[in-house]
Amino acid sequence: MLQVMYQVVKKHLKAPYTLMNINSTGQVITCCYNKEYVLGSYPSQSLQEIWFGKKRQKLIHAFDRNDFSLGCHLCKQELDKGHKTLCHIHNECRKLGETGYPTFIAISTAGS
């Protein structure tokens, strides 16, 4: 049952494919709820290098296997309860960029 739910809800889980969040120290993550899995650090790495890098690819591969162990625990908890995931609240998450680049970039200037 959960496998089917994951497949249906995954349509709304697009953060690893579309979102880039940069905090005030330059750490780059895909989702503001997943602060533990850092993809890279700007400006020591270019945004392109981070976006197309091994850490993001690892996250996507895990995600595609319904493996939420790379910091996506809150969404997994919501799915296990039968709720929509936290990512679902972001309208920007629902659109996949045709170029493979993020469709939404958030930059935090303080309090990250």
PDB file of N, CA and C in Angstrom:
ATOM      1  N   MET A   1       0.822  -1.205   0.000  1.00  0.00           N
ATOM      2  CA  MET A   1       0.000   0.000   0.000  1.00  0.00           C
ATOM      3  C   MET A   1       0.862   1.263   0.000  1.00  0.00           C
ATOM      4  N   LEU A   2       1.895   1.298   0.870  1.00  0.00           N
ATOM      5  CA  LEU A   2       2.758   2.479   0.920  1.00  0.00           C
ATOM      6  C   LEU A   2       3.492   2.689  -0.393  1.00  0.00           C
ATOM      7  N   GLN A   3       3.910   1.595  -1.041  1.00  0.00           N
ATOM      8  CA  GLN A   3       4.612   1.720  -2.324  1.00  0.00           C
ATOM      9  C   GLN A   3       3.733   2.436  -3.343  1.00  0.00           C
ATOM     10  N   VAL A   4       2.474   2.080  -3.417  1.00  0.00           N
ATOM     11  CA  VAL A   4       1.544   2.728  -4.338  1.00  0.00           C
ATOM     12  C   VAL A   4       1.381   4.189  -3.972  1.00  0.00           C
ATOM     13  N   MET A   5       1.242   4.476  -2.674  1.00  0.00           N
ATOM     14  CA  MET A   5       1.089   5.861  -2.236  1.00  0.00           C
ATOM     15  C   MET A   5       2.321   6.670  -2.602  1.00  0.00           C
ATOM     16  N   TYR A   6       3.523   6.097  -2.409  1.00  0.00           N
ATOM     17  CA  TYR A   6       4.749   6.808  -2.761  1.00  0.00           C
ATOM     18  C   TYR A   6       4.765   7.143  -4.246  1.00  0.00           C
ATOM     19  N   GLN A   7       4.325   6.201  -5.079  1.00  0.00           N
ATOM     20  CA  GLN A   7       4.331   6.438  -6.514  1.00  0.00           C
ATOM     21  C   GLN A   7       3.362   7.552  -6.897  1.00  0.00           C
ATOM     22  N   VAL A   8       2.210   7.580  -6.275  1.00  0.00           N
ATOM     23  CA  VAL A   8       1.219   8.619  -6.572  1.00  0.00           C
ATOM     24  C   VAL A   8       1.695   9.970  -6.065  1.00  0.00           C
ATOM     25  N   VAL A   9       2.171  10.017  -4.840  1.00  0.00           N
ATOM     26  CA  VAL A   9       2.572  11.282  -4.240  1.00  0.00           C
ATOM     27  C   VAL A   9       3.863  11.800  -4.849  1.00  0.00           C
ATOM     28  N   LYS A  10       4.696  10.920  -5.379  1.00  0.00           N
ATOM     29  CA  LYS A  10       5.966  11.351  -5.946  1.00  0.00           C
ATOM     30  C   LYS A  10       5.768  12.387  -7.045  1.00  0.00           C
ATOM     31  N   LYS A  11       4.602  12.408  -7.674  1.00  0.00           N
ATOM     32  CA  LYS A  11       4.323  13.435  -8.669  1.00  0.00           C
ATOM     33  C   LYS A  11       4.485  14.827  -8.068  1.00  0.00           C
ATOM     34  N   HIS A  12       4.261  14.942  -6.766  1.00  0.00           N
ATOM     35  CA  HIS A  12       4.353  16.232  -6.101  1.00  0.00           C
ATOM     36  C   HIS A  12       5.705  16.458  -5.440  1.00  0.00           C
ATOM     37  N   LEU A  13       6.527  15.438  -5.356  1.00  0.00           N
ATOM     38  CA  LEU A  13       7.839  15.545  -4.718  1.00  0.00           C
ATOM     39  C   LEU A  13       8.874  15.900  -5.774  1.00  0.00           C
ATOM     40  N   LYS A  14       9.069  17.153  -5.994  1.00  0.00           N
ATOM     41  CA  LYS A  14       9.947  17.588  -7.073  1.00  0.00           C
ATOM     42  C   LYS A  14      11.158  18.375  -6.599  1.00  0.00           C
ATOM     43  N   ALA A  15      11.316  18.566  -5.304  1.00  0.00           N
ATOM     44  CA  ALA A  15      12.410  19.403  -4.811  1.00  0.00           C
ATOM     45  C   ALA A  15      13.772  18.988  -5.349  1.00  0.00           C
ATOM     46  N   PRO A  16      14.140  17.713  -5.324  1.00  0.00           N
ATOM     47  CA  PRO A  16      15.477  17.361  -5.823  1.00  0.00           C
ATOM     48  C   PRO A  16      15.666  17.661  -7.313  1.00  0.00           C
ATOM     49  N   TYR A  17      14.567  17.790  -8.031  1.00  0.00           N
ATOM     50  CA  TYR A  17      14.634  18.018  -9.471  1.00  0.00           C
ATOM     51  C   TYR A  17      14.513  19.495  -9.845  1.00  0.00           C
ATOM     52  N   THR A  18      13.962  20.310  -8.964  1.00  0.00           N
ATOM     53  CA  THR A  18      13.630  21.676  -9.378  1.00  0.00           C
ATOM     54  C   THR A  18      14.105  22.788  -8.452  1.00  0.00           C
ATOM     55  N   LEU A  19      14.391  22.487  -7.190  1.00  0.00           N
ATOM     56  CA  LEU A  19      14.675  23.542  -6.220  1.00  0.00           C
ATOM     57  C   LEU A  19      16.130  23.594  -5.803  1.00  0.00           C
ATOM     58  N   MET A  20      16.633  24.822  -5.656  1.00  0.00           N
ATOM     59  CA  MET A  20      17.956  25.052  -5.102  1.00  0.00           C
ATOM     60  C   MET A  20      17.810  26.129  -4.027  1.00  0.00           C
ATOM     61  N   ASN A  21      18.231  25.801  -2.816  1.00  0.00           N
ATOM     62  CA  ASN A  21      18.184  26.734  -1.700  1.00  0.00           C
ATOM     63  C   ASN A  21      19.613  27.024  -1.257  1.00  0.00           C
ATOM     64  N   ILE A  22      19.943  28.290  -1.148  1.00  0.00           N
ATOM     65  CA  ILE A  22      21.282  28.705  -0.735  1.00  0.00           C
ATOM     66  C   ILE A  22      21.138  29.485   0.567  1.00  0.00           C
ATOM     67  N   ASN A  23      21.797  29.002   1.630  1.00  0.00           N
ATOM     68  CA  ASN A  23      21.665  29.719   2.896  1.00  0.00           C
ATOM     69  C   ASN A  23      22.725  30.821   3.015  1.00  0.00           C
ATOM     70  N   SER A  24      22.702  31.547   4.097  1.00  0.00           N
ATOM     71  CA  SER A  24      23.569  32.719   4.256  1.00  0.00           C
ATOM     72  C   SER A  24      25.050  32.377   4.345  1.00  0.00           C
ATOM     73  N   THR A  25      25.379  31.110   4.616  1.00  0.00           N
ATOM     74  CA  THR A  25      26.787  30.705   4.648  1.00  0.00           C
ATOM     75  C   THR A  25      27.231  30.071   3.336  1.00  0.00           C
ATOM     76  N   GLY A  26      26.328  29.987   2.359  1.00  0.00           N
ATOM     77  CA  GLY A  26      26.660  29.442   1.054  1.00  0.00           C
ATOM     78  C   GLY A  26      26.359  27.965   0.884  1.00  0.00           C
ATOM     79  N   GLN A  27      25.825  27.330   1.930  1.00  0.00           N
ATOM     80  CA  GLN A  27      25.461  25.918   1.789  1.00  0.00           C
ATOM     81  C   GLN A  27      24.255  25.794   0.863  1.00  0.00           C
ATOM     82  N   VAL A  28      24.309  24.816  -0.029  1.00  0.00           N
ATOM     83  CA  VAL A  28      23.246  24.610  -1.008  1.00  0.00           C
ATOM     84  C   VAL A  28      22.533  23.301  -0.702  1.00  0.00           C
ATOM     85  N   ILE A  29      21.212  23.391  -0.596  1.00  0.00           N
ATOM     86  CA  ILE A  29      20.350  22.233  -0.375  1.00  0.00           C
ATOM     87  C   ILE A  29      19.228  22.290  -1.410  1.00  0.00           C
ATOM     88  N   THR A  30      18.482  21.198  -1.555  1.00  0.00           N
ATOM     89  CA  THR A  30      17.371  21.233  -2.513  1.00  0.00           C
ATOM     90  C   THR A  30      16.058  21.627  -1.859  1.00  0.00           C
ATOM     91  N   CYS A  31      15.900  21.299  -0.598  1.00  0.00           N
ATOM     92  CA  CYS A  31      14.629  21.537   0.069  1.00  0.00           C
ATOM     93  C   CYS A  31      14.882  22.228   1.400  1.00  0.00           C
ATOM     94  N   CYS A  32      14.077  23.229   1.709  1.00  0.00           N
ATOM     95  CA  CYS A  32      14.270  23.964   2.967  1.00  0.00           C
ATOM     96  C   CYS A  32      13.967  23.104   4.192  1.00  0.00           C
ATOM     97  N   TYR A  33      13.285  21.968   4.009  1.00  0.00           N
ATOM     98  CA  TYR A  33      13.024  21.058   5.119  1.00  0.00           C
ATOM     99  C   TYR A  33      14.153  20.049   5.315  1.00  0.00           C
ATOM    100  N   ASN A  34      14.994  19.899   4.303  1.00  0.00           N
ATOM    101  CA  ASN A  34      16.097  18.948   4.357  1.00  0.00           C
ATOM    102  C   ASN A  34      17.414  19.722   4.441  1.00  0.00           C
ATOM    103  N   LYS A  35      17.757  20.141   5.632  1.00  0.00           N
ATOM    104  CA  LYS A  35      18.986  20.919   5.829  1.00  0.00           C
ATOM    105  C   LYS A  35      20.182  20.041   6.159  1.00  0.00           C
ATOM    106  N   GLU A  36      19.949  18.745   6.358  1.00  0.00           N
ATOM    107  CA  GLU A  36      21.057  17.876   6.742  1.00  0.00           C
ATOM    108  C   GLU A  36      21.843  17.347   5.551  1.00  0.00           C
ATOM    109  N   TYR A  37      21.251  17.318   4.357  1.00  0.00           N
ATOM    110  CA  TYR A  37      21.960  16.799   3.187  1.00  0.00           C
ATOM    111  C   TYR A  37      22.374  17.979   2.310  1.00  0.00           C
ATOM    112  N   VAL A  38      23.578  18.458   2.548  1.00  0.00           N
ATOM    113  CA  VAL A  38      24.105  19.624   1.837  1.00  0.00           C
ATOM    114  C   VAL A  38      24.730  19.155   0.528  1.00  0.00           C
ATOM    115  N   LEU A  39      24.319  19.781  -0.566  1.00  0.00           N
ATOM    116  CA  LEU A  39      24.818  19.401  -1.888  1.00  0.00           C
ATOM    117  C   LEU A  39      26.188  19.980  -2.186  1.00  0.00           C
ATOM    118  N   GLY A  40      26.459  21.146  -1.635  1.00  0.00           N
ATOM    119  CA  GLY A  40      27.728  21.813  -1.904  1.00  0.00           C
ATOM    120  C   GLY A  40      27.767  23.159  -1.226  1.00  0.00           C
ATOM    121  N   SER A  41      28.826  23.898  -1.521  1.00  0.00           N
ATOM    122  CA  SER A  41      29.017  25.201  -0.894  1.00  0.00           C
ATOM    123  C   SER A  41      29.423  26.237  -1.943  1.00  0.00           C
ATOM    124  N   TYR A  42      28.637  27.305  -2.004  1.00  0.00           N
ATOM    125  CA  TYR A  42      28.897  28.409  -2.908  1.00  0.00           C
ATOM    126  C   TYR A  42      29.584  29.519  -2.115  1.00  0.00           C
ATOM    127  N   PRO A  43      30.613  30.168  -2.580  1.00  0.00           N
ATOM    128  CA  PRO A  43      31.155  30.211  -3.937  1.00  0.00           C
ATOM    129  C   PRO A  43      32.348  29.281  -4.181  1.00  0.00           C
ATOM    130  N   SER A  44      32.713  28.446  -3.209  1.00  0.00           N
ATOM    131  CA  SER A  44      33.847  27.546  -3.452  1.00  0.00           C
ATOM    132  C   SER A  44      33.544  26.564  -4.585  1.00  0.00           C
ATOM    133  N   GLN A  45      32.262  26.312  -4.857  1.00  0.00           N
ATOM    134  CA  GLN A  45      31.821  25.531  -6.014  1.00  0.00           C
ATOM    135  C   GLN A  45      30.843  26.391  -6.790  1.00  0.00           C
ATOM    136  N   SER A  46      30.827  26.254  -8.096  1.00  0.00           N
ATOM    137  CA  SER A  46      29.842  26.987  -8.889  1.00  0.00           C
ATOM    138  C   SER A  46      28.472  26.354  -8.687  1.00  0.00           C
ATOM    139  N   LEU A  47      27.423  27.134  -8.906  1.00  0.00           N
ATOM    140  CA  LEU A  47      26.067  26.594  -8.781  1.00  0.00           C
ATOM    141  C   LEU A  47      25.832  25.467  -9.782  1.00  0.00           C
ATOM    142  N   GLN A  48      26.394  25.599 -10.961  1.00  0.00           N
ATOM    143  CA  GLN A  48      26.266  24.543 -11.971  1.00  0.00           C
ATOM    144  C   GLN A  48      26.960  23.268 -11.496  1.00  0.00           C
ATOM    145  N   GLU A  49      28.150  23.406 -10.926  1.00  0.00           N
ATOM    146  CA  GLU A  49      28.888  22.255 -10.410  1.00  0.00           C
ATOM    147  C   GLU A  49      28.093  21.553  -9.306  1.00  0.00           C
ATOM    148  N   ILE A  50      27.474  22.333  -8.438  1.00  0.00           N
ATOM    149  CA  ILE A  50      26.673  21.763  -7.348  1.00  0.00           C
ATOM    150  C   ILE A  50      25.430  21.073  -7.907  1.00  0.00           C
ATOM    151  N   TRP A  51      24.712  21.748  -8.799  1.00  0.00           N
ATOM    152  CA  TRP A  51      23.448  21.225  -9.319  1.00  0.00           C
ATOM    153  C   TRP A  51      23.639  19.920 -10.085  1.00  0.00           C
ATOM    154  N   PHE A  52      24.721  19.829 -10.843  1.00  0.00           N
ATOM    155  CA  PHE A  52      24.982  18.631 -11.635  1.00  0.00           C
ATOM    156  C   PHE A  52      25.976  17.682 -10.960  1.00  0.00           C
ATOM    157  N   GLY A  53      26.257  17.930  -9.676  1.00  0.00           N
ATOM    158  CA  GLY A  53      27.255  17.174  -8.945  1.00  0.00           C
ATOM    159  C   GLY A  53      26.793  15.822  -8.434  1.00  0.00           C
ATOM    160  N   LYS A  54      27.756  15.090  -7.891  1.00  0.00           N
ATOM    161  CA  LYS A  54      27.518  13.717  -7.418  1.00  0.00           C
ATOM    162  C   LYS A  54      26.538  13.654  -6.252  1.00  0.00           C
ATOM    163  N   LYS A  55      26.584  14.637  -5.345  1.00  0.00           N
ATOM    164  CA  LYS A  55      25.685  14.577  -4.180  1.00  0.00           C
ATOM    165  C   LYS A  55      24.229  14.715  -4.600  1.00  0.00           C
ATOM    166  N   ARG A  56      23.946  15.610  -5.527  1.00  0.00           N
ATOM    167  CA  ARG A  56      22.560  15.748  -5.991  1.00  0.00           C
ATOM    168  C   ARG A  56      22.132  14.504  -6.758  1.00  0.00           C
ATOM    169  N   GLN A  57      23.013  13.966  -7.575  1.00  0.00           N
ATOM    170  CA  GLN A  57      22.689  12.740  -8.306  1.00  0.00           C
ATOM    171  C   GLN A  57      22.397  11.592  -7.340  1.00  0.00           C
ATOM    172  N   LYS A  58      23.171  11.520  -6.261  1.00  0.00           N
ATOM    173  CA  LYS A  58      22.932  10.480  -5.247  1.00  0.00           C
ATOM    174  C   LYS A  58      21.554  10.658  -4.613  1.00  0.00           C
ATOM    175  N   LEU A  59      21.184  11.915  -4.310  1.00  0.00           N
ATOM    176  CA  LEU A  59      19.873  12.202  -3.739  1.00  0.00           C
ATOM    177  C   LEU A  59      18.758  11.809  -4.705  1.00  0.00           C
ATOM    178  N   ILE A  60      18.913  12.146  -5.968  1.00  0.00           N
ATOM    179  CA  ILE A  60      17.899  11.816  -6.969  1.00  0.00           C
ATOM    180  C   ILE A  60      17.755  10.303  -7.115  1.00  0.00           C
ATOM    181  N   HIS A  61      18.870   9.598  -7.175  1.00  0.00           N
ATOM    182  CA  HIS A  61      18.802   8.135  -7.307  1.00  0.00           C
ATOM    183  C   HIS A  61      18.118   7.505  -6.089  1.00  0.00           C
ATOM    184  N   ALA A  62      18.434   8.001  -4.898  1.00  0.00           N
ATOM    185  CA  ALA A  62      17.779   7.491  -3.691  1.00  0.00           C
ATOM    186  C   ALA A  62      16.284   7.791  -3.752  1.00  0.00           C
ATOM    187  N   PHE A  63      15.964   9.001  -4.110  1.00  0.00           N
ATOM    188  CA  PHE A  63      14.583   9.457  -4.204  1.00  0.00           C
ATOM    189  C   PHE A  63      13.788   8.617  -5.193  1.00  0.00           C
ATOM    190  N   ASP A  64      14.403   8.310  -6.339  1.00  0.00           N
ATOM    191  CA  ASP A  64      13.734   7.503  -7.359  1.00  0.00           C
ATOM    192  C   ASP A  64      13.449   6.080  -6.880  1.00  0.00           C
ATOM    193  N   ARG A  65      14.191   5.632  -5.872  1.00  0.00           N
ATOM    194  CA  ARG A  65      13.973   4.298  -5.287  1.00  0.00           C
ATOM    195  C   ARG A  65      13.097   4.379  -4.028  1.00  0.00           C
ATOM    196  N   ASN A  66      12.449   5.526  -3.813  1.00  0.00           N
ATOM    197  CA  ASN A  66      11.639   5.754  -2.611  1.00  0.00           C
ATOM    198  C   ASN A  66      12.464   5.630  -1.341  1.00  0.00           C
ATOM    199  N   ASP A  67      13.733   5.981  -1.429  1.00  0.00           N
ATOM    200  CA  ASP A  67      14.646   5.982  -0.291  1.00  0.00           C
ATOM    201  C   ASP A  67      14.740   7.418   0.211  1.00  0.00           C
ATOM    202  N   PHE A  68      14.162   7.670   1.368  1.00  0.00           N
ATOM    203  CA  PHE A  68      14.114   9.019   1.919  1.00  0.00           C
ATOM    204  C   PHE A  68      15.181   9.240   2.991  1.00  0.00           C
ATOM    205  N   SER A  69      16.197   8.371   3.015  1.00  0.00           N
ATOM    206  CA  SER A  69      17.193   8.400   4.090  1.00  0.00           C
ATOM    207  C   SER A  69      18.185   9.555   4.012  1.00  0.00           C
ATOM    208  N   LEU A  70      18.244  10.262   2.902  1.00  0.00           N
ATOM    209  CA  LEU A  70      19.198  11.363   2.769  1.00  0.00           C
ATOM    210  C   LEU A  70      18.577  12.688   3.188  1.00  0.00           C
ATOM    211  N   GLY A  71      17.971  12.699   4.344  1.00  0.00           N
ATOM    212  CA  GLY A  71      17.438  13.929   4.907  1.00  0.00           C
ATOM    213  C   GLY A  71      15.977  14.205   4.627  1.00  0.00           C
ATOM    214  N   CYS A  72      15.307  13.318   3.925  1.00  0.00           N
ATOM    215  CA  CYS A  72      13.903  13.539   3.574  1.00  0.00           C
ATOM    216  C   CYS A  72      12.969  12.864   4.578  1.00  0.00           C
ATOM    217  N   HIS A  73      13.373  12.833   5.831  1.00  0.00           N
ATOM    218  CA  HIS A  73      12.623  12.130   6.873  1.00  0.00           C
ATOM    219  C   HIS A  73      11.247  12.742   7.131  1.00  0.00           C
ATOM    220  N   LEU A  74      11.164  14.072   7.098  1.00  0.00           N
ATOM    221  CA  LEU A  74       9.866  14.705   7.364  1.00  0.00           C
ATOM    222  C   LEU A  74       8.834  14.333   6.305  1.00  0.00           C
ATOM    223  N   CYS A  75       9.247  14.314   5.052  1.00  0.00           N
ATOM    224  CA  CYS A  75       8.305  13.921   3.995  1.00  0.00           C
ATOM    225  C   CYS A  75       7.912  12.463   4.140  1.00  0.00           C
ATOM    226  N   LYS A  76       8.856  11.604   4.485  1.00  0.00           N
ATOM    227  CA  LYS A  76       8.527  10.187   4.677  1.00  0.00           C
ATOM    228  C   LYS A  76       7.534  10.022   5.820  1.00  0.00           C
ATOM    229  N   GLN A  77       7.720  10.769   6.910  1.00  0.00           N
ATOM    230  CA  GLN A  77       6.784  10.691   8.025  1.00  0.00           C
ATOM    231  C   GLN A  77       5.389  11.107   7.579  1.00  0.00           C
ATOM    232  N   GLU A  78       5.298  12.149   6.779  1.00  0.00           N
ATOM    233  CA  GLU A  78       3.993  12.605   6.296  1.00  0.00           C
ATOM    234  C   GLU A  78       3.360  11.556   5.380  1.00  0.00           C
ATOM    235  N   LEU A  79       4.171  10.948   4.504  1.00  0.00           N
ATOM    236  CA  LEU A  79       3.660   9.892   3.631  1.00  0.00           C
ATOM    237  C   LEU A  79       3.172   8.699   4.440  1.00  0.00           C
ATOM    238  N   ASP A  80       3.941   8.312   5.448  1.00  0.00           N
ATOM    239  CA  ASP A  80       3.565   7.172   6.285  1.00  0.00           C
ATOM    240  C   ASP A  80       2.252   7.421   7.030  1.00  0.00           C
ATOM    241  N   LYS A  81       1.951   8.676   7.309  1.00  0.00           N
ATOM    242  CA  LYS A  81       0.691   9.027   7.972  1.00  0.00           C
ATOM    243  C   LYS A  81      -0.462   9.140   6.981  1.00  0.00           C
ATOM    244  N   GLY A  82      -0.140   9.035   5.692  1.00  0.00           N
ATOM    245  CA  GLY A  82      -1.165   9.173   4.668  1.00  0.00           C
ATOM    246  C   GLY A  82      -1.401  10.601   4.235  1.00  0.00           C
ATOM    247  N   HIS A  83      -0.513  11.504   4.632  1.00  0.00           N
ATOM    248  CA  HIS A  83      -0.639  12.919   4.269  1.00  0.00           C
ATOM    249  C   HIS A  83       0.166  13.222   3.026  1.00  0.00           C
ATOM    250  N   LYS A  84      -0.118  14.375   2.460  1.00  0.00           N
ATOM    251  CA  LYS A  84       0.740  14.874   1.396  1.00  0.00           C
ATOM    252  C   LYS A  84       2.054  15.288   2.037  1.00  0.00           C
ATOM    253  N   THR A  85       3.091  15.328   1.251  1.00  0.00           N
ATOM    254  CA  THR A  85       4.401  15.672   1.800  1.00  0.00           C
ATOM    255  C   THR A  85       4.539  17.168   1.975  1.00  0.00           C
ATOM    256  N   LEU A  86       5.556  17.560   2.718  1.00  0.00           N
ATOM    257  CA  LEU A  86       5.837  18.975   2.941  1.00  0.00           C
ATOM    258  C   LEU A  86       6.161  19.680   1.636  1.00  0.00           C
ATOM    259  N   CYS A  87       6.827  18.967   0.734  1.00  0.00           N
ATOM    260  CA  CYS A  87       7.200  19.552  -0.545  1.00  0.00           C
ATOM    261  C   CYS A  87       5.979  19.950  -1.363  1.00  0.00           C
ATOM    262  N   HIS A  88       4.867  19.289  -1.136  1.00  0.00           N
ATOM    263  CA  HIS A  88       3.657  19.547  -1.908  1.00  0.00           C
ATOM    264  C   HIS A  88       3.185  20.994  -1.770  1.00  0.00           C
ATOM    265  N   ILE A  89       3.547  21.663  -0.687  1.00  0.00           N
ATOM    266  CA  ILE A  89       3.054  23.029  -0.497  1.00  0.00           C
ATOM    267  C   ILE A  89       3.733  24.033  -1.414  1.00  0.00           C
ATOM    268  N   HIS A  90       4.829  23.672  -2.019  1.00  0.00           N
ATOM    269  CA  HIS A  90       5.537  24.588  -2.912  1.00  0.00           C
ATOM    270  C   HIS A  90       5.021  24.448  -4.334  1.00  0.00           C
ATOM    271  N   ASN A  91       4.350  25.475  -4.841  1.00  0.00           N
ATOM    272  CA  ASN A  91       3.878  25.420  -6.224  1.00  0.00           C
ATOM    273  C   ASN A  91       5.042  25.276  -7.186  1.00  0.00           C
ATOM    274  N   GLU A  92       6.188  25.869  -6.839  1.00  0.00           N
ATOM    275  CA  GLU A  92       7.348  25.814  -7.709  1.00  0.00           C
ATOM    276  C   GLU A  92       7.849  24.383  -7.882  1.00  0.00           C
ATOM    277  N   CYS A  93       7.595  23.514  -6.934  1.00  0.00           N
ATOM    278  CA  CYS A  93       8.063  22.129  -6.996  1.00  0.00           C
ATOM    279  C   CYS A  93       7.367  21.346  -8.084  1.00  0.00           C
ATOM    280  N   ARG A  94       6.227  21.801  -8.513  1.00  0.00           N
ATOM    281  CA  ARG A  94       5.418  21.004  -9.438  1.00  0.00           C
ATOM    282  C   ARG A  94       5.867  21.110 -10.890  1.00  0.00           C
ATOM    283  N   LYS A  95       6.761  22.041 -11.174  1.00  0.00           N
ATOM    284  CA  LYS A  95       7.178  22.253 -12.554  1.00  0.00           C
ATOM    285  C   LYS A  95       8.601  21.733 -12.729  1.00  0.00           C
ATOM    286  N   LEU A  96       8.800  20.924 -13.713  1.00  0.00           N
ATOM    287  CA  LEU A  96      10.147  20.473 -14.031  1.00  0.00           C
ATOM    288  C   LEU A  96      10.722  21.374 -15.111  1.00  0.00           C
ATOM    289  N   GLY A  97      11.943  21.824 -14.890  1.00  0.00           N
ATOM    290  CA  GLY A  97      12.591  22.659 -15.887  1.00  0.00           C
ATOM    291  C   GLY A  97      12.980  21.843 -17.108  1.00  0.00           C
ATOM    292  N   GLU A  98      12.705  22.379 -18.273  1.00  0.00           N
ATOM    293  CA  GLU A  98      13.042  21.675 -19.504  1.00  0.00           C
ATOM    294  C   GLU A  98      14.548  21.600 -19.709  1.00  0.00           C
ATOM    295  N   THR A  99      15.296  22.504 -19.130  1.00  0.00           N
ATOM    296  CA  THR A  99      16.742  22.549 -19.340  1.00  0.00           C
ATOM    297  C   THR A  99      17.501  21.656 -18.373  1.00  0.00           C
ATOM    298  N   GLY A 100      16.836  21.141 -17.348  1.00  0.00           N
ATOM    299  CA  GLY A 100      17.527  20.371 -16.332  1.00  0.00           C
ATOM    300  C   GLY A 100      18.070  21.229 -15.209  1.00  0.00           C
ATOM    301  N   TYR A 101      17.911  22.526 -15.319  1.00  0.00           N
ATOM    302  CA  TYR A 101      18.339  23.453 -14.274  1.00  0.00           C
ATOM    303  C   TYR A 101      17.191  23.677 -13.292  1.00  0.00           C
ATOM    304  N   PRO A 102      17.501  24.207 -12.109  1.00  0.00           N
ATOM    305  CA  PRO A 102      16.420  24.471 -11.149  1.00  0.00           C
ATOM    306  C   PRO A 102      15.431  25.485 -11.705  1.00  0.00           C
ATOM    307  N   THR A 103      14.163  25.281 -11.380  1.00  0.00           N
ATOM    308  CA  THR A 103      13.141  26.238 -11.793  1.00  0.00           C
ATOM    309  C   THR A 103      12.893  27.276 -10.705  1.00  0.00           C
ATOM    310  N   PHE A 104      13.447  27.045  -9.518  1.00  0.00           N
ATOM    311  CA  PHE A 104      13.264  27.962  -8.394  1.00  0.00           C
ATOM    312  C   PHE A 104      14.540  27.975  -7.553  1.00  0.00           C
ATOM    313  N   ILE A 105      15.076  29.152  -7.296  1.00  0.00           N
ATOM    314  CA  ILE A 105      16.260  29.299  -6.454  1.00  0.00           C
ATOM    315  C   ILE A 105      15.909  30.247  -5.314  1.00  0.00           C
ATOM    316  N   ALA A 106      16.087  29.783  -4.086  1.00  0.00           N
ATOM    317  CA  ALA A 106      15.819  30.595  -2.886  1.00  0.00           C
ATOM    318  C   ALA A 106      17.152  30.916  -2.232  1.00  0.00           C
ATOM    319  N   ILE A 107      17.309  32.176  -1.844  1.00  0.00           N
ATOM    320  CA  ILE A 107      18.531  32.615  -1.187  1.00  0.00           C
ATOM    321  C   ILE A 107      18.165  33.201   0.159  1.00  0.00           C
ATOM    322  N   SER A 108      18.740  32.640   1.213  1.00  0.00           N
ATOM    323  CA  SER A 108      18.490  33.129   2.557  1.00  0.00           C
ATOM    324  C   SER A 108      19.640  34.044   2.958  1.00  0.00           C
ATOM    325  N   THR A 109      19.297  35.228   3.446  1.00  0.00           N
ATOM    326  CA  THR A 109      20.346  36.178   3.805  1.00  0.00           C
ATOM    327  C   THR A 109      20.673  36.187   5.278  1.00  0.00           C
ATOM    328  N   ALA A 110      19.837  35.578   6.098  1.00  0.00           N
ATOM    329  CA  ALA A 110      20.093  35.546   7.540  1.00  0.00           C
ATOM    330  C   ALA A 110      19.320  34.418   8.193  1.00  0.00           C
ATOM    331  N   GLY A 111      19.796  33.991   9.359  1.00  0.00           N
ATOM    332  CA  GLY A 111      19.064  33.007  10.153  1.00  0.00           C
ATOM    333  C   GLY A 111      19.050  31.614   9.591  1.00  0.00           C
ATOM    334  N   SER A 112      20.026  31.255   8.785  1.00  0.00           N
ATOM    335  CA  SER A 112      20.051  29.903   8.209  1.00  0.00           C
ATOM    336  C   SER A 112      20.701  28.931   9.130  1.00  0.00           C
TER     337      SER A 112
END
